């Protein structure tokens, strides 16, 4: 009998949400599970992607825009929304064949209006029974939090950014 797949959410203002989801993807892959990692809202290259692919994890990068949403033009917003929805549709199309689906920054895609919250909620309520779904992003909306079996709030206590130290390759990106 297949185990019931649960819903994980890593949220909060602290560093480590994506790192935690990558760790879970690696662990699941190491256990022989079929894993996909879909990355939303990150147009810049992130170092973990190469390693996930090397492990045989399916990786989809939804988006090419490198600006934060408030700084996008209307045209860039429209393009970004199309790219995020395309990534989400690809994730949905794979869901039946997977054991673990990581939706990195999915919460951000929802809260910025790039992916309709109702579409995500419909998927979470009707996902394949065995599918483990992992989502990351700040400010998780209550309806999504309510469906989560795991909800980790990663809180920033100290961060080098506060000292003027930017993102470093291999650590934050």
C-alpha atoms as a PDB file:
ATOM      1  CA  UNK A   1       0.000   0.000   0.000  1.00  0.00           C
ATOM      2  CA  UNK A   2       1.386   3.407  -0.988  1.00  0.00           C
ATOM      3  CA  UNK A   3       2.000   5.892   1.779  1.00  0.00           C
ATOM      4  CA  UNK A   4      -0.080   9.047   1.845  1.00  0.00           C
ATOM      5  CA  UNK A   5       1.859  12.006   0.472  1.00  0.00           C
ATOM      6  CA  UNK A   6       1.859  15.061   2.709  1.00  0.00           C
ATOM      7  CA  UNK A   7       2.120  18.814   2.116  1.00  0.00           C
ATOM      8  CA  UNK A   8       5.139  20.763   3.407  1.00  0.00           C
ATOM      9  CA  UNK A   9       5.493  24.552   3.592  1.00  0.00           C
ATOM     10  CA  UNK A  10       8.747  26.347   4.439  1.00  0.00           C
ATOM     11  CA  UNK A  11       7.938  30.023   5.022  1.00  0.00           C
ATOM     12  CA  UNK A  12       9.238  33.024   6.945  1.00  0.00           C
ATOM     13  CA  UNK A  13      11.740  35.842   6.483  1.00  0.00           C
ATOM     14  CA  UNK A  14      14.833  33.775   7.286  1.00  0.00           C
ATOM     15  CA  UNK A  15      17.433  32.168   5.047  1.00  0.00           C
ATOM     16  CA  UNK A  16      17.013  28.467   4.484  1.00  0.00           C
ATOM     17  CA  UNK A  17      13.649  27.818   2.840  1.00  0.00           C
ATOM     18  CA  UNK A  18      15.072  26.758  -0.506  1.00  0.00           C
ATOM     19  CA  UNK A  19      18.012  25.076   1.226  1.00  0.00           C
ATOM     20  CA  UNK A  20      15.583  22.936   3.249  1.00  0.00           C
ATOM     21  CA  UNK A  21      13.601  21.998   0.146  1.00  0.00           C
ATOM     22  CA  UNK A  22      16.795  21.055  -1.713  1.00  0.00           C
ATOM     23  CA  UNK A  23      17.829  18.877   1.217  1.00  0.00           C
ATOM     24  CA  UNK A  24      14.500  17.074   1.187  1.00  0.00           C
ATOM     25  CA  UNK A  25      14.732  16.576  -2.602  1.00  0.00           C
ATOM     26  CA  UNK A  26      18.227  15.089  -2.243  1.00  0.00           C
ATOM     27  CA  UNK A  27      17.104  12.832   0.614  1.00  0.00           C
ATOM     28  CA  UNK A  28      14.078  11.588  -1.347  1.00  0.00           C
ATOM     29  CA  UNK A  29      16.183  10.991  -4.463  1.00  0.00           C
ATOM     30  CA  UNK A  30      18.721   9.069  -2.376  1.00  0.00           C
ATOM     31  CA  UNK A  31      15.881   6.845  -1.176  1.00  0.00           C
ATOM     32  CA  UNK A  32      14.989   6.039  -4.784  1.00  0.00           C
ATOM     33  CA  UNK A  33      11.987   8.323  -5.053  1.00  0.00           C
ATOM     34  CA  UNK A  34      11.076  10.099  -8.286  1.00  0.00           C
ATOM     35  CA  UNK A  35      11.558  13.818  -7.589  1.00  0.00           C
ATOM     36  CA  UNK A  36      10.947  17.029  -9.512  1.00  0.00           C
ATOM     37  CA  UNK A  37      12.122  20.477  -8.429  1.00  0.00           C
ATOM     38  CA  UNK A  38      10.260  23.397  -9.996  1.00  0.00           C
ATOM     39  CA  UNK A  39      11.705  26.824  -9.275  1.00  0.00           C
ATOM     40  CA  UNK A  40       9.476  29.899  -9.496  1.00  0.00           C
ATOM     41  CA  UNK A  41      10.273  33.622  -9.324  1.00  0.00           C
ATOM     42  CA  UNK A  42      14.044  33.190  -9.627  1.00  0.00           C
ATOM     43  CA  UNK A  43      15.404  34.355 -12.959  1.00  0.00           C
ATOM     44  CA  UNK A  44      19.041  34.241 -11.893  1.00  0.00           C
ATOM     45  CA  UNK A  45      21.073  31.047 -11.813  1.00  0.00           C
ATOM     46  CA  UNK A  46      21.214  29.266  -8.490  1.00  0.00           C
ATOM     47  CA  UNK A  47      24.046  26.837  -7.752  1.00  0.00           C
ATOM     48  CA  UNK A  48      21.921  23.959  -6.426  1.00  0.00           C
ATOM     49  CA  UNK A  49      20.255  23.402  -9.804  1.00  0.00           C
ATOM     50  CA  UNK A  50      23.355  21.805 -11.368  1.00  0.00           C
ATOM     51  CA  UNK A  51      23.681  19.329  -8.497  1.00  0.00           C
ATOM     52  CA  UNK A  52      19.995  18.427  -8.461  1.00  0.00           C
ATOM     53  CA  UNK A  53      20.208  17.617 -12.173  1.00  0.00           C
ATOM     54  CA  UNK A  54      23.370  15.566 -11.592  1.00  0.00           C
ATOM     55  CA  UNK A  55      21.390  13.447  -9.113  1.00  0.00           C
ATOM     56  CA  UNK A  56      18.755  12.725 -11.752  1.00  0.00           C
ATOM     57  CA  UNK A  57      16.161  15.060 -10.282  1.00  0.00           C
ATOM     58  CA  UNK A  58      13.925  16.686 -12.887  1.00  0.00           C
ATOM     59  CA  UNK A  59      14.413  20.459 -12.696  1.00  0.00           C
ATOM     60  CA  UNK A  60      12.170  23.090 -14.250  1.00  0.00           C
ATOM     61  CA  UNK A  61      13.023  26.759 -13.999  1.00  0.00           C
ATOM     62  CA  UNK A  62       9.917  28.898 -14.473  1.00  0.00           C
ATOM     63  CA  UNK A  63      11.073  32.308 -15.531  1.00  0.00           C
ATOM     64  CA  UNK A  64      13.700  34.534 -17.015  1.00  0.00           C
ATOM     65  CA  UNK A  65      12.873  37.894 -15.404  1.00  0.00           C
ATOM     66  CA  UNK A  66      15.463  38.931 -12.832  1.00  0.00           C
ATOM     67  CA  UNK A  67      13.650  41.915 -11.298  1.00  0.00           C
ATOM     68  CA  UNK A  68      11.510  41.893  -8.171  1.00  0.00           C
ATOM     69  CA  UNK A  69       7.810  42.233  -9.033  1.00  0.00           C
ATOM     70  CA  UNK A  70       7.381  45.822  -7.728  1.00  0.00           C
ATOM     71  CA  UNK A  71      10.111  46.959 -10.153  1.00  0.00           C
ATOM     72  CA  UNK A  72       8.687  45.227 -13.241  1.00  0.00           C
ATOM     73  CA  UNK A  73       7.023  47.040 -16.106  1.00  0.00           C
ATOM     74  CA  UNK A  74       3.513  45.927 -17.073  1.00  0.00           C
ATOM     75  CA  UNK A  75       4.986  43.952 -19.974  1.00  0.00           C
ATOM     76  CA  UNK A  76       7.530  42.246 -17.704  1.00  0.00           C
ATOM     77  CA  UNK A  77       4.767  41.373 -15.233  1.00  0.00           C
ATOM     78  CA  UNK A  78       2.702  39.800 -18.001  1.00  0.00           C
ATOM     79  CA  UNK A  79       5.712  37.833 -19.255  1.00  0.00           C
ATOM     80  CA  UNK A  80       6.572  36.748 -15.723  1.00  0.00           C
ATOM     81  CA  UNK A  81       2.991  35.592 -15.073  1.00  0.00           C
ATOM     82  CA  UNK A  82       2.997  33.563 -18.306  1.00  0.00           C
ATOM     83  CA  UNK A  83       6.314  31.938 -17.378  1.00  0.00           C
ATOM     84  CA  UNK A  84       5.191  31.132 -13.823  1.00  0.00           C
ATOM     85  CA  UNK A  85       1.918  29.608 -15.039  1.00  0.00           C
ATOM     86  CA  UNK A  86       3.818  27.603 -17.653  1.00  0.00           C
ATOM     87  CA  UNK A  87       6.056  26.204 -14.908  1.00  0.00           C
ATOM     88  CA  UNK A  88       3.029  25.404 -12.759  1.00  0.00           C
ATOM     89  CA  UNK A  89       1.267  23.651 -15.662  1.00  0.00           C
ATOM     90  CA  UNK A  90       4.407  21.562 -16.288  1.00  0.00           C
ATOM     91  CA  UNK A  91       4.457  20.596 -12.608  1.00  0.00           C
ATOM     92  CA  UNK A  92       0.801  19.575 -12.753  1.00  0.00           C
ATOM     93  CA  UNK A  93       1.429  17.484 -15.873  1.00  0.00           C
ATOM     94  CA  UNK A  94       4.198  15.533 -14.081  1.00  0.00           C
ATOM     95  CA  UNK A  95       2.416  15.103 -10.747  1.00  0.00           C
ATOM     96  CA  UNK A  96       1.001  11.630 -11.408  1.00  0.00           C
ATOM     97  CA  UNK A  97       4.440  10.202 -12.190  1.00  0.00           C
ATOM     98  CA  UNK A  98       6.218  11.680  -9.148  1.00  0.00           C
ATOM     99  CA  UNK A  99       6.747  10.767  -5.518  1.00  0.00           C
ATOM    100  CA  UNK A 100       7.982  14.229  -4.464  1.00  0.00           C
ATOM    101  CA  UNK A 101       7.267  17.589  -6.084  1.00  0.00           C
ATOM    102  CA  UNK A 102       9.157  20.631  -4.812  1.00  0.00           C
ATOM    103  CA  UNK A 103       7.588  23.974  -5.760  1.00  0.00           C
ATOM    104  CA  UNK A 104      10.350  26.386  -4.756  1.00  0.00           C
ATOM    105  CA  UNK A 105       9.033  29.956  -4.256  1.00  0.00           C
ATOM    106  CA  UNK A 106       5.504  28.855  -5.162  1.00  0.00           C
ATOM    107  CA  UNK A 107       4.184  30.904  -2.240  1.00  0.00           C
ATOM    108  CA  UNK A 108       5.827  34.004  -3.754  1.00  0.00           C
ATOM    109  CA  UNK A 109       4.343  33.204  -7.167  1.00  0.00           C
ATOM    110  CA  UNK A 110       0.912  33.137  -5.511  1.00  0.00           C
ATOM    111  CA  UNK A 111       1.280  36.202  -3.271  1.00  0.00           C
ATOM    112  CA  UNK A 112       2.534  38.326  -6.182  1.00  0.00           C
ATOM    113  CA  UNK A 113      -0.405  37.270  -8.339  1.00  0.00           C
ATOM    114  CA  UNK A 114       1.629  35.315 -10.877  1.00  0.00           C
ATOM    115  CA  UNK A 115      -0.174  32.042 -10.114  1.00  0.00           C
ATOM    116  CA  UNK A 116      -3.800  32.211  -8.924  1.00  0.00           C
ATOM    117  CA  UNK A 117      -4.139  30.957  -5.352  1.00  0.00           C
ATOM    118  CA  UNK A 118      -7.315  29.056  -6.263  1.00  0.00           C
ATOM    119  CA  UNK A 119      -5.418  27.013  -8.887  1.00  0.00           C
ATOM    120  CA  UNK A 120      -2.810  26.008  -6.309  1.00  0.00           C
ATOM    121  CA  UNK A 121      -5.478  25.177  -3.708  1.00  0.00           C
ATOM    122  CA  UNK A 122      -7.371  23.038  -6.253  1.00  0.00           C
ATOM    123  CA  UNK A 123      -4.179  21.125  -7.007  1.00  0.00           C
ATOM    124  CA  UNK A 124      -3.327  20.612  -3.333  1.00  0.00           C
ATOM    125  CA  UNK A 125      -6.833  19.316  -2.578  1.00  0.00           C
ATOM    126  CA  UNK A 126      -6.844  16.893  -5.530  1.00  0.00           C
ATOM    127  CA  UNK A 127      -3.144  15.952  -5.799  1.00  0.00           C
ATOM    128  CA  UNK A 128      -2.265  12.296  -6.326  1.00  0.00           C
ATOM    129  CA  UNK A 129      -2.614  10.539  -2.958  1.00  0.00           C
ATOM    130  CA  UNK A 130       1.017   9.360  -2.818  1.00  0.00           C
ATOM    131  CA  UNK A 131       2.524  12.704  -3.895  1.00  0.00           C
ATOM    132  CA  UNK A 132       4.577  14.624  -1.344  1.00  0.00           C
ATOM    133  CA  UNK A 133       4.398  18.369  -2.158  1.00  0.00           C
ATOM    134  CA  UNK A 134       6.967  20.817  -0.798  1.00  0.00           C
ATOM    135  CA  UNK A 135       6.472  24.591  -1.177  1.00  0.00           C
ATOM    136  CA  UNK A 136       8.617  27.534  -0.153  1.00  0.00           C
ATOM    137  CA  UNK A 137       8.116  31.281   0.101  1.00  0.00           C
ATOM    138  CA  UNK A 138       7.445  34.134   2.497  1.00  0.00           C
ATOM    139  CA  UNK A 139       4.055  35.165   3.857  1.00  0.00           C
ATOM    140  CA  UNK A 140       2.118  31.955   3.282  1.00  0.00           C
ATOM    141  CA  UNK A 141      -1.605  32.727   2.890  1.00  0.00           C
ATOM    142  CA  UNK A 142      -3.845  31.130   5.527  1.00  0.00           C
ATOM    143  CA  UNK A 143      -5.763  28.846   3.099  1.00  0.00           C
ATOM    144  CA  UNK A 144      -2.469  27.271   1.984  1.00  0.00           C
ATOM    145  CA  UNK A 145      -1.160  27.048   5.561  1.00  0.00           C
ATOM    146  CA  UNK A 146      -4.381  25.301   6.584  1.00  0.00           C
ATOM    147  CA  UNK A 147      -3.764  22.494   4.068  1.00  0.00           C
ATOM    148  CA  UNK A 148      -0.142  21.969   5.138  1.00  0.00           C
ATOM    149  CA  UNK A 149       0.815  18.900   7.150  1.00  0.00           C
ATOM    150  CA  UNK A 150       4.226  20.457   7.863  1.00  0.00           C
ATOM    151  CA  UNK A 151       4.538  24.217   8.331  1.00  0.00           C
ATOM    152  CA  UNK A 152       8.002  25.524   9.179  1.00  0.00           C
ATOM    153  CA  UNK A 153       8.418  29.237   9.849  1.00  0.00           C
ATOM    154  CA  UNK A 154      12.060  30.119   9.280  1.00  0.00           C
ATOM    155  CA  UNK A 155      12.705  33.343  11.149  1.00  0.00           C
ATOM    156  CA  UNK A 156      15.598  35.721  10.524  1.00  0.00           C
ATOM    157  CA  UNK A 157      17.435  36.562  13.727  1.00  0.00           C
ATOM    158  CA  UNK A 158      20.652  37.803  12.077  1.00  0.00           C
ATOM    159  CA  UNK A 159      21.597  38.006   8.414  1.00  0.00           C
ATOM    160  CA  UNK A 160      24.781  39.277   6.706  1.00  0.00           C
ATOM    161  CA  UNK A 161      22.646  41.423   4.387  1.00  0.00           C
ATOM    162  CA  UNK A 162      22.001  43.673   7.394  1.00  0.00           C
ATOM    163  CA  UNK A 163      25.770  44.323   7.442  1.00  0.00           C
ATOM    164  CA  UNK A 164      25.852  45.147   3.744  1.00  0.00           C
ATOM    165  CA  UNK A 165      27.034  41.685   2.646  1.00  0.00           C
ATOM    166  CA  UNK A 166      25.248  40.620  -0.531  1.00  0.00           C
ATOM    167  CA  UNK A 167      24.301  37.147  -1.741  1.00  0.00           C
ATOM    168  CA  UNK A 168      27.334  34.880  -2.127  1.00  0.00           C
ATOM    169  CA  UNK A 169      27.617  32.143  -4.745  1.00  0.00           C
ATOM    170  CA  UNK A 170      27.348  28.726  -3.161  1.00  0.00           C
ATOM    171  CA  UNK A 171      25.844  30.098   0.063  1.00  0.00           C
ATOM    172  CA  UNK A 172      22.783  32.184  -0.833  1.00  0.00           C
ATOM    173  CA  UNK A 173      22.753  31.499  -4.586  1.00  0.00           C
END
